[in-house]
Amino acid sequence: MRIAIAGSSGLIGTELVKTLRADGHDVLRLVRRPAQAESEVSWNPTTGDVSLARLAGVEAFINLAGVGVGDKRWSRRYKKEIFSSRVDSTRTIAQAAATVGAKTLINASAIGWYGDTDSRTVDETAPAGSGFLCDVVVAWENAAEVARLAGIRVVHARTGLVVSSHGGAWAKISPLFKLGLGGRLGNGKQYWSFISMRDEIAALSFLLTSATISGPVNLTAPQPATNAEITKAMSAVFKRPAIFHVPAVALKIVLGEFSQEVLGSTRVLPTVLQKNGFVFSDPDALSAMKTLIAT
C-alpha cells in the first residue's frame, strides 16, 4: 500500500515508518522543508500547501503531526501552538486526501476528548468533556470532516499515554525509577490510560487495514491503572523502591496549568479495538513496564 505520513519524525511516527516499510508498504514522509529524497513530500500545514503531484496514488494518509502538550509550560502562546499545530495539519491532510482520492485517513487524536472522568470508565461512545484539551481534540477531529464528506474512511486514533523509553512522559520518569527516586504523583489515585509503544504501532497498523472501522477509536490498554499502581509496577520491574512522593502543590508550581492533566483522572477503555478482534501484547501496567525496560 502507498501511504503518506505526517509527523513521521516524532516518537510514534519514527517507529511506525520503520514498521510499515518492514511490512512492505511504500511510505512517503511529509516534511516541512524541500524534499531531499523520493520518499519525501514537502508540505506546510500553516499555509495549507502540499506537493499534491507527489501524492498521486496514495491510498492512505496517517497524520501524527502536532507539538507535544507537555514539552513546554502552557503559556497563552504555547496553547495556541498546541491547537493550531493539530487543527492546521489535519485540515491540510484531509483536503489533500480528498483531492488525490485516498481511501483512508487515520488522524491522530487523544483521550483528552473525555476530560477528567475520575474513576468512571468511558469508551468511544462518551461525549466530549470540558477544558482546554477537550476543546483542542474536538476541533482537531472536526478538521478532518472534509475527508469524511469526500467518502474517505476517517479514523480518529484517540491515543493515551504512550509507554516508551525514547520520548514522552516515560522518558522523563524512567531515569528517576532507575535511581530509586521514583514515586507517586499527587495522591496517586488518578487513572492513567496508557499504551505500550508496540501496541500503539500494532493498533495503527491494524486500523490501516481494517476497512470497516471508522470514527473514534481509543488506543489505550484494556486495563487502565492508577498512578499508584503504575508506580508499583515500575518499582517492581526496575527493582528499586518507590518511596518518594511529589505533592500536588509542587506539580502545580512546576507545571502550571498542565499539572491538571497529570493530576486528572481519565479511565478509558479500547472498546472498538477489542470488538474488532485486536489483541494487546501489553494489556496491563506490569506487562507494559516490562516491555519498557526491554526496549
C-alpha atoms as a PDB file:
ATOM      1  CA  MET A   1       0.000   0.000   0.000  1.00  0.00           C
ATOM      2  CA  ARG A   2       1.190   3.530  -0.775  1.00  0.00           C
ATOM      3  CA  ILE A   3       0.973   5.540   2.463  1.00  0.00           C
ATOM      4  CA  ALA A   4       1.757   9.180   3.262  1.00  0.00           C
ATOM      5  CA  ILE A   5       2.658  10.026   6.867  1.00  0.00           C
ATOM      6  CA  ALA A   6       2.786  13.450   8.513  1.00  0.00           C
ATOM      7  CA  GLY A   7       4.595  13.711  11.825  1.00  0.00           C
ATOM      8  CA  SER A   8       6.883  10.879  10.753  1.00  0.00           C
ATOM      9  CA  SER A   9       9.880  12.172  12.734  1.00  0.00           C
ATOM     10  CA  GLY A  10       8.059  12.162  16.065  1.00  0.00           C
ATOM     11  CA  LEU A  11       8.071   9.483  18.772  1.00  0.00           C
ATOM     12  CA  ILE A  12       5.286   7.382  17.248  1.00  0.00           C
ATOM     13  CA  GLY A  13       5.951   8.314  13.623  1.00  0.00           C
ATOM     14  CA  THR A  14       9.555   7.135  13.675  1.00  0.00           C
ATOM     15  CA  GLU A  15       8.564   3.666  14.847  1.00  0.00           C
ATOM     16  CA  LEU A  16       5.545   3.492  12.548  1.00  0.00           C
ATOM     17  CA  VAL A  17       7.559   4.310   9.410  1.00  0.00           C
ATOM     18  CA  LYS A  18      10.075   1.554  10.217  1.00  0.00           C
ATOM     19  CA  THR A  19       7.324  -0.988  10.840  1.00  0.00           C
ATOM     20  CA  LEU A  20       5.281  -0.172   7.740  1.00  0.00           C
ATOM     21  CA  ARG A  21       8.324  -0.277   5.494  1.00  0.00           C
ATOM     22  CA  ALA A  22       9.392  -3.578   7.012  1.00  0.00           C
ATOM     23  CA  ASP A  23       5.899  -4.871   6.199  1.00  0.00           C
ATOM     24  CA  GLY A  24       6.426  -3.978   2.539  1.00  0.00           C
ATOM     25  CA  HIS A  25       4.462  -0.732   2.296  1.00  0.00           C
ATOM     26  CA  ASP A  26       5.578   2.222   0.158  1.00  0.00           C
ATOM     27  CA  VAL A  27       5.838   5.021   2.731  1.00  0.00           C
ATOM     28  CA  LEU A  28       6.111   8.716   1.872  1.00  0.00           C
ATOM     29  CA  ARG A  29       7.196  11.096   4.642  1.00  0.00           C
ATOM     30  CA  LEU A  30       5.726  14.614   4.654  1.00  0.00           C
ATOM     31  CA  VAL A  31       8.494  17.062   5.620  1.00  0.00           C
ATOM     32  CA  ARG A  32       8.425  20.802   6.348  1.00  0.00           C
ATOM     33  CA  ARG A  33      11.364  21.598   4.057  1.00  0.00           C
ATOM     34  CA  PRO A  34      12.250  20.947   0.426  1.00  0.00           C
ATOM     35  CA  ALA A  35      12.091  17.213  -0.280  1.00  0.00           C
ATOM     36  CA  GLN A  36      15.539  15.619  -0.438  1.00  0.00           C
ATOM     37  CA  ALA A  37      14.581  12.076  -1.416  1.00  0.00           C
ATOM     38  CA  GLU A  38      11.989  10.221  -3.486  1.00  0.00           C
ATOM     39  CA  SER A  39      10.349   9.090  -0.255  1.00  0.00           C
ATOM     40  CA  GLU A  40       9.779  12.682   0.944  1.00  0.00           C
ATOM     41  CA  VAL A  41       6.996  15.149   0.132  1.00  0.00           C
ATOM     42  CA  SER A  42       7.234  18.814   1.045  1.00  0.00           C
ATOM     43  CA  TRP A  43       4.357  20.459   2.893  1.00  0.00           C
ATOM     44  CA  ASN A  44       3.489  23.471   5.046  1.00  0.00           C
ATOM     45  CA  PRO A  45       0.487  22.875   7.320  1.00  0.00           C
ATOM     46  CA  THR A  46       0.400  26.528   8.394  1.00  0.00           C
ATOM     47  CA  THR A  47      -0.274  27.738   4.860  1.00  0.00           C
ATOM     48  CA  GLY A  48      -2.034  24.581   3.702  1.00  0.00           C
ATOM     49  CA  ASP A  49       0.489  23.931   0.953  1.00  0.00           C
ATOM     50  CA  VAL A  50       1.429  20.377  -0.035  1.00  0.00           C
ATOM     51  CA  SER A  51       3.012  18.863  -3.146  1.00  0.00           C
ATOM     52  CA  LEU A  52      -0.091  17.121  -4.488  1.00  0.00           C
ATOM     53  CA  ALA A  53       1.630  15.782  -7.594  1.00  0.00           C
ATOM     54  CA  ARG A  54       3.970  13.757  -5.367  1.00  0.00           C
ATOM     55  CA  LEU A  55       0.977  12.245  -3.582  1.00  0.00           C
ATOM     56  CA  ALA A  56      -0.591  10.674  -6.654  1.00  0.00           C
ATOM     57  CA  GLY A  57      -1.553   7.084  -5.975  1.00  0.00           C
ATOM     58  CA  VAL A  58      -1.527   7.416  -2.191  1.00  0.00           C
ATOM     59  CA  GLU A  59      -4.178   5.109  -0.755  1.00  0.00           C
ATOM     60  CA  ALA A  60      -3.898   6.075   2.896  1.00  0.00           C
ATOM     61  CA  PHE A  61      -2.801   9.093   4.909  1.00  0.00           C
ATOM     62  CA  ILE A  62      -1.679   8.922   8.527  1.00  0.00           C
ATOM     63  CA  ASN A  63      -1.443  12.267  10.293  1.00  0.00           C
ATOM     64  CA  LEU A  64       0.522  12.312  13.555  1.00  0.00           C
ATOM     65  CA  ALA A  65       1.544  15.986  13.443  1.00  0.00           C
ATOM     66  CA  GLY A  66       1.300  18.252  16.491  1.00  0.00           C
ATOM     67  CA  VAL A  67       3.602  19.746  19.134  1.00  0.00           C
ATOM     68  CA  GLY A  68       3.890  17.877  22.429  1.00  0.00           C
ATOM     69  CA  VAL A  69       1.395  19.024  25.053  1.00  0.00           C
ATOM     70  CA  GLY A  70       3.927  18.507  27.842  1.00  0.00           C
ATOM     71  CA  ASP A  71       7.014  19.857  26.095  1.00  0.00           C
ATOM     72  CA  LYS A  72       6.687  23.399  27.435  1.00  0.00           C
ATOM     73  CA  ARG A  73       4.832  25.312  30.116  1.00  0.00           C
ATOM     74  CA  TRP A  74       1.356  26.271  28.960  1.00  0.00           C
ATOM     75  CA  SER A  75       1.708  29.948  28.140  1.00  0.00           C
ATOM     76  CA  ARG A  76      -1.007  31.573  26.064  1.00  0.00           C
ATOM     77  CA  ARG A  77       1.321  31.386  23.063  1.00  0.00           C
ATOM     78  CA  TYR A  78       2.112  27.700  23.534  1.00  0.00           C
ATOM     79  CA  LYS A  79      -1.540  26.769  23.991  1.00  0.00           C
ATOM     80  CA  LYS A  80      -2.225  28.460  20.663  1.00  0.00           C
ATOM     81  CA  GLU A  81       0.576  26.377  19.126  1.00  0.00           C
ATOM     82  CA  ILE A  82      -0.849  23.158  20.603  1.00  0.00           C
ATOM     83  CA  PHE A  83      -4.183  23.990  18.986  1.00  0.00           C
ATOM     84  CA  SER A  84      -3.000  25.240  15.604  1.00  0.00           C
ATOM     85  CA  SER A  85      -0.369  22.547  15.044  1.00  0.00           C
ATOM     86  CA  ARG A  86      -3.111  19.919  15.223  1.00  0.00           C
ATOM     87  CA  VAL A  87      -6.007  21.658  13.513  1.00  0.00           C
ATOM     88  CA  ASP A  88      -3.977  23.195  10.669  1.00  0.00           C
ATOM     89  CA  SER A  89      -2.175  19.930   9.875  1.00  0.00           C
ATOM     90  CA  THR A  90      -5.413  17.941   9.918  1.00  0.00           C
ATOM     91  CA  ARG A  91      -7.204  20.401   7.675  1.00  0.00           C
ATOM     92  CA  THR A  92      -4.306  20.302   5.178  1.00  0.00           C
ATOM     93  CA  ILE A  93      -4.031  16.499   5.183  1.00  0.00           C
ATOM     94  CA  ALA A  94      -7.801  15.991   4.946  1.00  0.00           C
ATOM     95  CA  GLN A  95      -8.011  18.282   1.929  1.00  0.00           C
ATOM     96  CA  ALA A  96      -5.039  16.563   0.283  1.00  0.00           C
ATOM     97  CA  ALA A  97      -6.582  13.140   0.885  1.00  0.00           C
ATOM     98  CA  ALA A  98      -9.840  14.284  -0.685  1.00  0.00           C
ATOM     99  CA  THR A  99      -8.064  15.821  -3.660  1.00  0.00           C
ATOM    100  CA  VAL A 100      -5.968  12.757  -4.559  1.00  0.00           C
ATOM    101  CA  GLY A 101      -8.825  10.323  -3.892  1.00  0.00           C
ATOM    102  CA  ALA A 102      -7.333   8.393  -0.997  1.00  0.00           C
ATOM    103  CA  LYS A 103      -9.377   5.662   0.651  1.00  0.00           C
ATOM    104  CA  THR A 104      -8.299   6.061   4.273  1.00  0.00           C
ATOM    105  CA  LEU A 105      -7.245   8.808   6.698  1.00  0.00           C
ATOM    106  CA  ILE A 106      -6.012   7.811  10.130  1.00  0.00           C
ATOM    107  CA  ASN A 107      -5.765  11.034  12.064  1.00  0.00           C
ATOM    108  CA  ALA A 108      -4.103  11.270  15.453  1.00  0.00           C
ATOM    109  CA  SER A 109      -6.351  12.302  18.299  1.00  0.00           C
ATOM    110  CA  ALA A 110      -6.185  11.950  22.071  1.00  0.00           C
ATOM    111  CA  ILE A 111      -8.061  10.691  25.093  1.00  0.00           C
ATOM    112  CA  GLY A 112      -8.086  14.345  26.136  1.00  0.00           C
ATOM    113  CA  TRP A 113     -11.507  14.244  24.411  1.00  0.00           C
ATOM    114  CA  TYR A 114     -13.012  12.800  27.607  1.00  0.00           C
ATOM    115  CA  GLY A 115     -11.599  15.237  30.151  1.00  0.00           C
ATOM    116  CA  ASP A 116     -11.377  14.194  33.801  1.00  0.00           C
ATOM    117  CA  THR A 117     -13.573  11.114  34.304  1.00  0.00           C
ATOM    118  CA  ASP A 118     -12.428  10.346  37.871  1.00  0.00           C
ATOM    119  CA  SER A 119     -12.895   6.575  38.399  1.00  0.00           C
ATOM    120  CA  ARG A 120     -15.696   6.307  35.819  1.00  0.00           C
ATOM    121  CA  THR A 121     -14.831   4.233  32.750  1.00  0.00           C
ATOM    122  CA  VAL A 122     -15.548   5.667  29.310  1.00  0.00           C
ATOM    123  CA  ASP A 123     -15.293   4.357  25.764  1.00  0.00           C
ATOM    124  CA  GLU A 124     -15.746   5.796  22.287  1.00  0.00           C
ATOM    125  CA  THR A 125     -19.455   6.457  22.850  1.00  0.00           C
ATOM    126  CA  ALA A 126     -18.813   9.014  25.613  1.00  0.00           C
ATOM    127  CA  PRO A 127     -19.347  12.717  24.859  1.00  0.00           C
ATOM    128  CA  ALA A 128     -16.557  15.280  24.986  1.00  0.00           C
ATOM    129  CA  GLY A 129     -15.583  16.616  28.385  1.00  0.00           C
ATOM    130  CA  SER A 130     -14.692  20.204  29.260  1.00  0.00           C
ATOM    131  CA  GLY A 131     -11.405  22.037  29.417  1.00  0.00           C
ATOM    132  CA  PHE A 132      -8.634  23.225  27.121  1.00  0.00           C
ATOM    133  CA  LEU A 133      -7.509  19.830  25.823  1.00  0.00           C
ATOM    134  CA  CYS A 134     -11.101  18.721  25.282  1.00  0.00           C
ATOM    135  CA  ASP A 135     -11.670  21.795  23.129  1.00  0.00           C
ATOM    136  CA  VAL A 136      -8.466  21.075  21.209  1.00  0.00           C
ATOM    137  CA  VAL A 137      -9.464  17.476  20.479  1.00  0.00           C
ATOM    138  CA  VAL A 138     -12.970  18.415  19.349  1.00  0.00           C
ATOM    139  CA  ALA A 139     -11.590  20.971  16.885  1.00  0.00           C
ATOM    140  CA  TRP A 140      -8.845  18.517  15.854  1.00  0.00           C
ATOM    141  CA  GLU A 141     -11.333  15.808  14.917  1.00  0.00           C
ATOM    142  CA  ASN A 142     -13.730  18.237  13.250  1.00  0.00           C
ATOM    143  CA  ALA A 143     -10.902  19.443  10.989  1.00  0.00           C
ATOM    144  CA  ALA A 144     -10.938  16.040   9.235  1.00  0.00           C
ATOM    145  CA  GLU A 145     -14.584  16.409   8.232  1.00  0.00           C
ATOM    146  CA  VAL A 146     -13.740  17.422   4.640  1.00  0.00           C
ATOM    147  CA  ALA A 147     -12.195  13.986   4.115  1.00  0.00           C
ATOM    148  CA  ARG A 148     -15.202  12.150   5.546  1.00  0.00           C
ATOM    149  CA  LEU A 149     -17.581  14.151   3.369  1.00  0.00           C
ATOM    150  CA  ALA A 150     -15.471  13.154   0.359  1.00  0.00           C
ATOM    151  CA  GLY A 151     -16.223   9.500   1.134  1.00  0.00           C
ATOM    152  CA  ILE A 152     -12.876   8.721   2.776  1.00  0.00           C
ATOM    153  CA  ARG A 153     -12.788   6.322   5.718  1.00  0.00           C
ATOM    154  CA  VAL A 154     -11.648   8.537   8.609  1.00  0.00           C
ATOM    155  CA  VAL A 155     -10.357   7.087  11.876  1.00  0.00           C
ATOM    156  CA  HIS A 156      -9.684   9.301  14.892  1.00  0.00           C
ATOM    157  CA  ALA A 157      -6.972   7.455  16.824  1.00  0.00           C
ATOM    158  CA  ARG A 158      -7.502   8.668  20.400  1.00  0.00           C
ATOM    159  CA  THR A 159      -4.169   7.702  21.902  1.00  0.00           C
ATOM    160  CA  GLY A 160      -3.421   7.538  25.608  1.00  0.00           C
ATOM    161  CA  LEU A 161      -0.042   7.900  27.337  1.00  0.00           C
ATOM    162  CA  VAL A 162       2.460   6.036  25.169  1.00  0.00           C
ATOM    163  CA  VAL A 163       4.938   3.993  27.213  1.00  0.00           C
ATOM    164  CA  SER A 164       8.355   4.404  25.581  1.00  0.00           C
ATOM    165  CA  SER A 165      11.885   4.953  26.820  1.00  0.00           C
ATOM    166  CA  HIS A 166      12.624   7.141  23.794  1.00  0.00           C
ATOM    167  CA  GLY A 167      10.270  10.037  24.485  1.00  0.00           C
ATOM    168  CA  GLY A 168       7.105  11.260  26.128  1.00  0.00           C
ATOM    169  CA  ALA A 169       6.312  11.024  29.828  1.00  0.00           C
ATOM    170  CA  TRP A 170       8.113   7.739  30.438  1.00  0.00           C
ATOM    171  CA  ALA A 171      11.415   9.008  29.073  1.00  0.00           C
ATOM    172  CA  LYS A 172      11.332  11.528  31.917  1.00  0.00           C
ATOM    173  CA  ILE A 173      10.003   9.175  34.582  1.00  0.00           C
ATOM    174  CA  SER A 174      12.158   6.094  33.929  1.00  0.00           C
ATOM    175  CA  PRO A 175      15.554   7.589  34.900  1.00  0.00           C
ATOM    176  CA  LEU A 176      14.134   8.536  38.299  1.00  0.00           C
ATOM    177  CA  PHE A 177      12.998   4.958  38.951  1.00  0.00           C
ATOM    178  CA  LYS A 178      16.359   3.595  37.824  1.00  0.00           C
ATOM    179  CA  LEU A 179      17.959   5.745  40.535  1.00  0.00           C
ATOM    180  CA  GLY A 180      15.404   4.764  43.155  1.00  0.00           C
ATOM    181  CA  LEU A 181      13.921   8.262  43.133  1.00  0.00           C
ATOM    182  CA  GLY A 182      10.533   7.377  41.672  1.00  0.00           C
ATOM    183  CA  GLY A 183       7.197   7.699  43.392  1.00  0.00           C
ATOM    184  CA  ARG A 184       3.555   8.571  43.004  1.00  0.00           C
ATOM    185  CA  LEU A 185       2.357  11.941  41.781  1.00  0.00           C
ATOM    186  CA  GLY A 186      -0.272  13.709  43.832  1.00  0.00           C
ATOM    187  CA  ASN A 187      -2.468  11.270  45.739  1.00  0.00           C
ATOM    188  CA  GLY A 188      -1.782   8.524  43.183  1.00  0.00           C
ATOM    189  CA  LYS A 189      -5.486   7.739  42.799  1.00  0.00           C
ATOM    190  CA  GLN A 190      -5.819   9.303  39.343  1.00  0.00           C
ATOM    191  CA  TYR A 191      -6.219   6.863  36.449  1.00  0.00           C
ATOM    192  CA  TRP A 192      -3.652   6.909  33.656  1.00  0.00           C
ATOM    193  CA  SER A 193      -4.837   5.331  30.424  1.00  0.00           C
ATOM    194  CA  PHE A 194      -1.625   4.156  28.777  1.00  0.00           C
ATOM    195  CA  ILE A 195      -0.497   2.022  25.848  1.00  0.00           C
ATOM    196  CA  SER A 196       2.861   0.410  25.172  1.00  0.00           C
ATOM    197  CA  MET A 197       4.693   1.567  22.077  1.00  0.00           C
ATOM    198  CA  ARG A 198       4.480  -1.849  20.443  1.00  0.00           C
ATOM    199  CA  ASP A 199       0.704  -1.949  20.960  1.00  0.00           C
ATOM    200  CA  GLU A 200       0.390   1.617  19.632  1.00  0.00           C
ATOM    201  CA  ILE A 201       2.182   0.694  16.418  1.00  0.00           C
ATOM    202  CA  ALA A 202       0.303  -2.590  16.104  1.00  0.00           C
ATOM    203  CA  ALA A 203      -3.028  -0.816  16.624  1.00  0.00           C
ATOM    204  CA  LEU A 204      -2.289   1.815  13.968  1.00  0.00           C
ATOM    205  CA  SER A 205      -1.274  -0.930  11.524  1.00  0.00           C
ATOM    206  CA  PHE A 206      -4.463  -2.824  12.401  1.00  0.00           C
ATOM    207  CA  LEU A 207      -6.614   0.252  11.738  1.00  0.00           C
ATOM    208  CA  LEU A 208      -4.855   0.852   8.439  1.00  0.00           C
ATOM    209  CA  THR A 209      -6.096  -2.434   7.019  1.00  0.00           C
ATOM    210  CA  SER A 210      -9.413  -2.771   8.891  1.00  0.00           C
ATOM    211  CA  ALA A 211     -11.684  -1.317   6.225  1.00  0.00           C
ATOM    212  CA  THR A 212     -14.870  -1.458   8.312  1.00  0.00           C
ATOM    213  CA  ILE A 213     -13.590   0.646  11.234  1.00  0.00           C
ATOM    214  CA  SER A 214     -14.147   4.402  11.185  1.00  0.00           C
ATOM    215  CA  GLY A 215     -14.735   7.228  13.640  1.00  0.00           C
ATOM    216  CA  PRO A 216     -13.162   7.459  17.095  1.00  0.00           C
ATOM    217  CA  VAL A 217     -11.000   4.568  18.292  1.00  0.00           C
ATOM    218  CA  ASN A 218      -9.315   4.519  21.707  1.00  0.00           C
ATOM    219  CA  LEU A 219      -5.678   3.408  21.614  1.00  0.00           C
ATOM    220  CA  THR A 220      -5.251   2.509  25.274  1.00  0.00           C
ATOM    221  CA  ALA A 221      -4.521  -0.697  27.158  1.00  0.00           C
ATOM    222  CA  PRO A 222      -7.670  -2.551  28.278  1.00  0.00           C
ATOM    223  CA  GLN A 223      -6.658  -2.292  31.947  1.00  0.00           C
ATOM    224  CA  PRO A 224      -6.055   1.383  32.810  1.00  0.00           C
ATOM    225  CA  ALA A 225      -4.229   1.799  36.113  1.00  0.00           C
ATOM    226  CA  THR A 226      -3.936   4.412  38.798  1.00  0.00           C
ATOM    227  CA  ASN A 227      -0.740   6.379  39.147  1.00  0.00           C
ATOM    228  CA  ALA A 228      -0.047   4.462  42.366  1.00  0.00           C
ATOM    229  CA  GLU A 229      -0.457   1.127  40.558  1.00  0.00           C
ATOM    230  CA  ILE A 230       1.849   2.229  37.768  1.00  0.00           C
ATOM    231  CA  THR A 231       4.365   3.401  40.348  1.00  0.00           C
ATOM    232  CA  LYS A 232       4.238  -0.045  41.974  1.00  0.00           C
ATOM    233  CA  ALA A 233       4.735  -1.764  38.603  1.00  0.00           C
ATOM    234  CA  MET A 234       7.714   0.427  37.748  1.00  0.00           C
ATOM    235  CA  SER A 235       9.244  -0.189  41.144  1.00  0.00           C
ATOM    236  CA  ALA A 236       8.907  -3.928  40.549  1.00  0.00           C
ATOM    237  CA  VAL A 237      10.471  -4.001  37.071  1.00  0.00           C
ATOM    238  CA  PHE A 238      13.312  -1.630  37.950  1.00  0.00           C
ATOM    239  CA  LYS A 239      13.819  -3.399  41.286  1.00  0.00           C
ATOM    240  CA  ARG A 240      14.057  -0.091  43.098  1.00  0.00           C
ATOM    241  CA  PRO A 241      11.991   1.353  45.943  1.00  0.00           C
ATOM    242  CA  ALA A 242       9.409   3.997  45.091  1.00  0.00           C
ATOM    243  CA  ILE A 243       9.145   5.860  48.360  1.00  0.00           C
ATOM    244  CA  PHE A 244       9.216   9.396  47.034  1.00  0.00           C
ATOM    245  CA  HIS A 245       6.048  11.414  46.613  1.00  0.00           C
ATOM    246  CA  VAL A 246       5.543  14.573  44.590  1.00  0.00           C
ATOM    247  CA  PRO A 247       2.697  16.525  46.200  1.00  0.00           C
ATOM    248  CA  ALA A 248       0.038  18.117  44.015  1.00  0.00           C
ATOM    249  CA  VAL A 249       1.025  21.633  45.046  1.00  0.00           C
ATOM    250  CA  ALA A 250       4.594  21.066  43.817  1.00  0.00           C
ATOM    251  CA  LEU A 251       3.362  19.842  40.435  1.00  0.00           C
ATOM    252  CA  LYS A 252       1.150  22.898  40.102  1.00  0.00           C
ATOM    253  CA  ILE A 253       4.111  25.187  40.791  1.00  0.00           C
ATOM    254  CA  VAL A 254       6.423  23.406  38.345  1.00  0.00           C
ATOM    255  CA  LEU A 255       3.974  22.538  35.564  1.00  0.00           C
ATOM    256  CA  GLY A 256       1.409  25.299  35.841  1.00  0.00           C
ATOM    257  CA  GLU A 257      -1.885  24.603  34.049  1.00  0.00           C
ATOM    258  CA  PHE A 258      -0.556  21.357  32.543  1.00  0.00           C
ATOM    259  CA  SER A 259      -0.497  19.877  36.071  1.00  0.00           C
ATOM    260  CA  GLN A 260      -4.273  19.432  35.718  1.00  0.00           C
ATOM    261  CA  GLU A 261      -3.593  16.765  33.102  1.00  0.00           C
ATOM    262  CA  VAL A 262      -1.029  14.958  35.288  1.00  0.00           C
ATOM    263  CA  LEU A 263      -3.262  15.032  38.346  1.00  0.00           C
ATOM    264  CA  GLY A 264      -6.514  14.472  36.444  1.00  0.00           C
ATOM    265  CA  SER A 265      -8.030  11.024  36.063  1.00  0.00           C
ATOM    266  CA  THR A 266      -9.080   9.506  32.735  1.00  0.00           C
ATOM    267  CA  ARG A 267     -10.171   5.853  32.744  1.00  0.00           C
ATOM    268  CA  VAL A 268     -10.554   4.888  29.085  1.00  0.00           C
ATOM    269  CA  LEU A 269     -11.419   1.527  27.541  1.00  0.00           C
ATOM    270  CA  PRO A 270     -10.475   0.444  23.963  1.00  0.00           C
ATOM    271  CA  THR A 271     -13.901  -0.979  23.159  1.00  0.00           C
ATOM    272  CA  VAL A 272     -13.743  -0.579  19.366  1.00  0.00           C
ATOM    273  CA  LEU A 273     -10.359  -2.281  19.028  1.00  0.00           C
ATOM    274  CA  GLN A 274     -11.375  -5.210  21.211  1.00  0.00           C
ATOM    275  CA  LYS A 275     -14.756  -5.696  19.499  1.00  0.00           C
ATOM    276  CA  ASN A 276     -12.921  -5.910  16.191  1.00  0.00           C
ATOM    277  CA  GLY A 277     -10.506  -8.572  17.391  1.00  0.00           C
ATOM    278  CA  PHE A 278      -7.368  -6.606  18.182  1.00  0.00           C
ATOM    279  CA  VAL A 279      -5.214  -8.418  20.758  1.00  0.00           C
ATOM    280  CA  PHE A 280      -2.976  -6.385  23.072  1.00  0.00           C
ATOM    281  CA  SER A 281       0.544  -7.598  23.810  1.00  0.00           C
ATOM    282  CA  ASP A 282       0.639  -5.437  26.949  1.00  0.00           C
ATOM    283  CA  PRO A 283      -2.872  -5.304  28.429  1.00  0.00           C
ATOM    284  CA  ASP A 284      -1.843  -4.162  31.915  1.00  0.00           C
ATOM    285  CA  ALA A 285       0.643  -1.881  33.652  1.00  0.00           C
ATOM    286  CA  LEU A 286       3.108  -4.593  34.671  1.00  0.00           C
ATOM    287  CA  SER A 287       3.438  -6.029  31.148  1.00  0.00           C
ATOM    288  CA  ALA A 288       3.778  -2.523  29.683  1.00  0.00           C
ATOM    289  CA  MET A 289       6.563  -1.669  32.145  1.00  0.00           C
ATOM    290  CA  LYS A 290       8.357  -4.941  31.402  1.00  0.00           C
ATOM    291  CA  THR A 291       8.245  -4.041  27.713  1.00  0.00           C
ATOM    292  CA  LEU A 292       9.513  -0.555  28.575  1.00  0.00           C
ATOM    293  CA  ILE A 293      12.741  -1.781  30.170  1.00  0.00           C
ATOM    294  CA  ALA A 294      13.293  -4.367  27.424  1.00  0.00           C
ATOM    295  CA  THR A 295      13.459  -1.709  24.691  1.00  0.00           C
END
